[in-house]
Amino acid sequence: MAKILIAYFSHAGQNYSHGGIRNLPVGNTEVVAKKLHVMLGGDLFYIDTVQKYPDGHMKKIEIAKREYEQNVRPELTARVENMDEYDTVILAFPNWWTTMPMAVFTFLESYDFSGKTICPLITHGGSGFSGSLRDIARLCPNAKMTEGLAINGDNAATCDKDLEKWAKKIGLK
């Protein structure tokens, strides 16, 4: 049985949800990552940045846009010390500016994913994966990437059946 790491980036606070700005006490991607953890086991790793993003939605997306345009690699607060022990990495993140948050780029560039399986899972507000699958493939050319799962953030709390179906389809269950 493959050893699974569920690595996720998520942001609580103000988010675009149900057609407006709402305050989320827990980010959508964290909700989904923790559902997967209960379902599949494995280890959870929160991709967290040293420089915190503001809770305010508009300020957060301004920073996300600037990071994307300037190809910034935010410093992370921690590393997975035993990455070589994992065969499978479920990589969960929101869609920020047509791809992954730049912190996820930092995460992917911090390790050698050769021979590992990456299972991409995105939460979004309507734009799906955009360019994130292409970016994962470019950053981790020697990893195998499974079919991804895109979950609209509005459905994060009720996506259990979608997660179950996806986990079975990609061979994790």
Protein backbone atom coordinates (compact mmCIF):
# COMPACT_ATOMS: atom_id res chain seq x y z
CA MET A 1 0.00 0.00 0.00
CA ALA A 2 1.35 3.42 -0.99
CA LYS A 3 2.22 5.86 1.76
CA ILE A 4 0.10 8.98 1.20
CA LEU A 5 0.86 12.60 1.97
CA ILE A 6 -1.98 15.11 1.68
CA ALA A 7 -0.23 18.45 1.16
CA TYR A 8 -2.58 21.40 0.99
CA PHE A 9 -2.63 25.17 0.78
CA SER A 10 -5.80 26.86 1.95
CA HIS A 11 -6.94 30.29 3.02
CA ALA A 12 -9.62 31.13 5.55
CA GLY A 13 -11.10 34.59 5.98
CA GLN A 14 -12.92 36.40 3.24
CA ASN A 15 -13.50 34.30 0.12
CA TYR A 16 -15.70 34.56 -2.93
CA SER A 17 -18.56 32.17 -2.19
CA HIS A 18 -22.13 31.72 -3.38
CA GLY A 19 -21.93 34.80 -5.57
CA GLY A 20 -20.49 37.17 -2.96
CA ILE A 21 -17.76 37.75 -0.42
CA ARG A 22 -18.21 35.63 2.71
CA ASN A 23 -16.07 34.99 5.75
CA LEU A 24 -14.95 31.37 5.95
CA PRO A 25 -13.61 30.21 9.34
CA VAL A 26 -11.86 27.33 7.53
CA GLY A 27 -10.71 27.57 3.92
CA ASN A 28 -12.42 25.37 1.33
CA THR A 29 -9.27 23.45 0.45
CA GLU A 30 -8.60 22.65 4.10
CA VAL A 31 -12.16 21.31 4.44
CA VAL A 32 -11.61 19.02 1.44
CA ALA A 33 -8.08 17.94 2.52
CA LYS A 34 -9.34 16.93 5.95
CA LYS A 35 -12.22 14.95 4.39
CA LEU A 36 -9.65 13.05 2.31
CA HIS A 37 -7.52 12.46 5.39
CA VAL A 38 -10.46 10.86 7.20
CA MET A 39 -11.31 8.82 4.11
CA LEU A 40 -7.82 7.64 3.12
CA GLY A 41 -5.56 8.10 6.12
CA GLY A 42 -2.03 9.17 5.34
CA ASP A 43 -0.39 12.30 6.68
CA LEU A 44 -1.54 15.91 6.42
CA PHE A 45 0.87 18.74 5.66
CA TYR A 46 -0.29 22.36 5.57
CA ILE A 47 1.65 24.43 3.05
CA ASP A 48 1.93 27.63 5.08
CA THR A 49 3.76 30.83 4.28
CA VAL A 50 5.99 32.89 6.56
CA GLN A 51 4.37 36.09 5.24
CA LYS A 52 0.66 35.70 6.02
CA TYR A 53 -2.01 36.68 3.55
CA PRO A 54 -4.58 39.22 4.73
CA ASP A 55 -8.10 38.05 5.62
CA GLY A 56 -9.64 40.68 3.35
CA HIS A 57 -10.51 39.18 -0.03
CA MET A 58 -9.54 42.14 -2.22
CA LYS A 59 -6.19 42.65 -0.48
CA LYS A 60 -5.49 38.90 -0.70
CA ILE A 61 -6.16 38.73 -4.43
CA GLU A 62 -4.05 41.86 -5.05
CA ILE A 63 -1.11 40.12 -3.37
CA ALA A 64 -1.82 36.85 -5.19
CA LYS A 65 -1.89 38.70 -8.51
CA ARG A 66 1.37 40.50 -7.78
CA GLU A 67 3.07 37.24 -6.72
CA TYR A 68 1.87 35.56 -9.91
CA GLU A 69 2.94 38.41 -12.20
CA GLN A 70 6.36 38.63 -10.53
CA ASN A 71 6.81 34.84 -10.32
CA VAL A 72 7.42 35.11 -6.56
CA ARG A 73 8.24 32.07 -4.44
CA PRO A 74 6.92 32.78 -0.93
CA GLU A 75 8.96 31.32 1.91
CA LEU A 76 7.26 28.43 3.68
CA THR A 77 7.11 27.90 7.44
CA ALA A 78 7.99 24.19 7.39
CA ARG A 79 9.31 21.33 5.29
CA VAL A 80 8.26 17.72 4.94
CA GLU A 81 11.36 16.19 6.51
CA ASN A 82 10.60 12.64 5.35
CA MET A 83 9.35 13.30 1.81
CA ASP A 84 11.27 10.29 0.49
CA GLU A 85 8.94 8.00 2.49
CA TYR A 86 5.86 9.00 0.46
CA ASP A 87 4.88 7.29 -2.77
CA THR A 88 1.76 9.37 -3.36
CA VAL A 89 1.18 13.07 -2.79
CA ILE A 90 -2.33 14.46 -2.95
CA LEU A 91 -1.70 18.10 -3.75
CA ALA A 92 -4.69 20.26 -2.81
CA PHE A 93 -4.91 23.99 -3.47
CA PRO A 94 -7.26 26.76 -4.59
CA ASN A 95 -7.11 28.32 -8.04
CA TRP A 96 -5.38 31.70 -7.69
CA TRP A 97 -4.77 33.72 -10.86
CA THR A 98 -5.17 30.91 -13.39
CA THR A 99 -2.96 28.41 -11.54
CA MET A 100 -1.80 27.32 -8.09
CA PRO A 101 -0.92 29.83 -5.39
CA MET A 102 2.76 30.68 -5.68
CA ALA A 103 3.36 28.99 -2.29
CA VAL A 104 2.50 25.69 -4.00
CA PHE A 105 5.17 26.43 -6.60
CA THR A 106 7.62 26.89 -3.70
CA PHE A 107 6.49 23.57 -2.23
CA LEU A 108 6.89 21.66 -5.50
CA GLU A 109 10.32 23.16 -6.18
CA SER A 110 11.53 22.19 -2.69
CA TYR A 111 11.55 18.42 -3.30
CA ASP A 112 12.41 15.78 -5.87
CA PHE A 113 9.15 14.17 -6.95
CA SER A 114 10.82 11.68 -9.29
CA GLY A 115 8.98 8.37 -9.18
CA LYS A 116 6.18 9.74 -6.99
CA THR A 117 2.53 9.99 -7.94
CA ILE A 118 0.95 13.43 -7.65
CA CYS A 119 -2.84 13.56 -7.35
CA PRO A 120 -3.99 17.16 -7.99
CA LEU A 121 -7.11 18.47 -6.30
CA ILE A 122 -8.27 22.04 -6.74
CA THR A 123 -10.98 24.15 -5.19
CA HIS A 124 -12.19 27.01 -7.33
CA GLY A 125 -14.91 29.58 -7.83
CA GLY A 126 -15.74 28.56 -11.39
CA SER A 127 -12.44 28.39 -13.26
CA GLY A 128 -11.46 24.78 -12.59
CA PHE A 129 -7.82 23.79 -13.04
CA SER A 130 -6.89 26.59 -15.48
CA GLY A 131 -3.12 26.18 -16.03
CA SER A 132 -2.28 24.37 -12.80
CA LEU A 133 -1.98 20.85 -14.28
CA ARG A 134 0.44 22.13 -16.92
CA ASP A 135 2.45 23.87 -14.19
CA ILE A 136 2.62 20.74 -12.00
CA ALA A 137 3.81 18.69 -15.00
CA ARG A 138 6.45 21.32 -15.81
CA LEU A 139 7.73 21.52 -12.21
CA CYS A 140 7.69 17.75 -11.61
CA PRO A 141 8.55 16.19 -14.98
CA ASN A 142 9.66 12.87 -13.46
CA ALA A 143 6.53 12.34 -11.39
CA LYS A 144 3.40 10.53 -12.49
CA MET A 145 0.29 12.70 -12.33
CA THR A 146 -3.16 11.18 -11.93
CA GLU A 147 -6.39 12.63 -13.18
CA GLY A 148 -7.23 15.62 -11.03
CA LEU A 149 -10.40 16.60 -9.24
CA ALA A 150 -11.81 20.13 -9.40
CA ILE A 151 -14.32 21.05 -6.71
CA ASN A 152 -16.24 24.29 -6.70
CA GLY A 153 -15.52 25.89 -3.34
CA ASP A 154 -19.24 26.31 -2.72
CA ASN A 155 -19.46 22.49 -2.64
CA ALA A 156 -16.49 21.83 -0.32
CA ALA A 157 -18.67 20.89 2.65
CA THR A 158 -20.76 18.40 0.63
CA CYS A 159 -18.24 16.86 -1.77
CA ASP A 160 -17.82 13.49 -0.01
CA LYS A 161 -19.25 11.41 -2.87
CA ASP A 162 -17.06 13.21 -5.42
CA LEU A 163 -13.97 12.55 -3.29
CA GLU A 164 -14.90 8.89 -2.88
CA LYS A 165 -15.47 8.43 -6.63
CA TRP A 166 -12.18 10.21 -7.48
CA ALA A 167 -10.17 8.22 -4.92
CA LYS A 168 -11.48 4.96 -6.40
CA LYS A 169 -10.88 6.12 -9.98
CA ILE A 170 -7.21 6.97 -9.34
CA GLY A 171 -6.59 3.81 -7.30
CA LEU A 172 -6.33 5.21 -3.79
CA LYS A 173 -9.36 3.34 -2.48
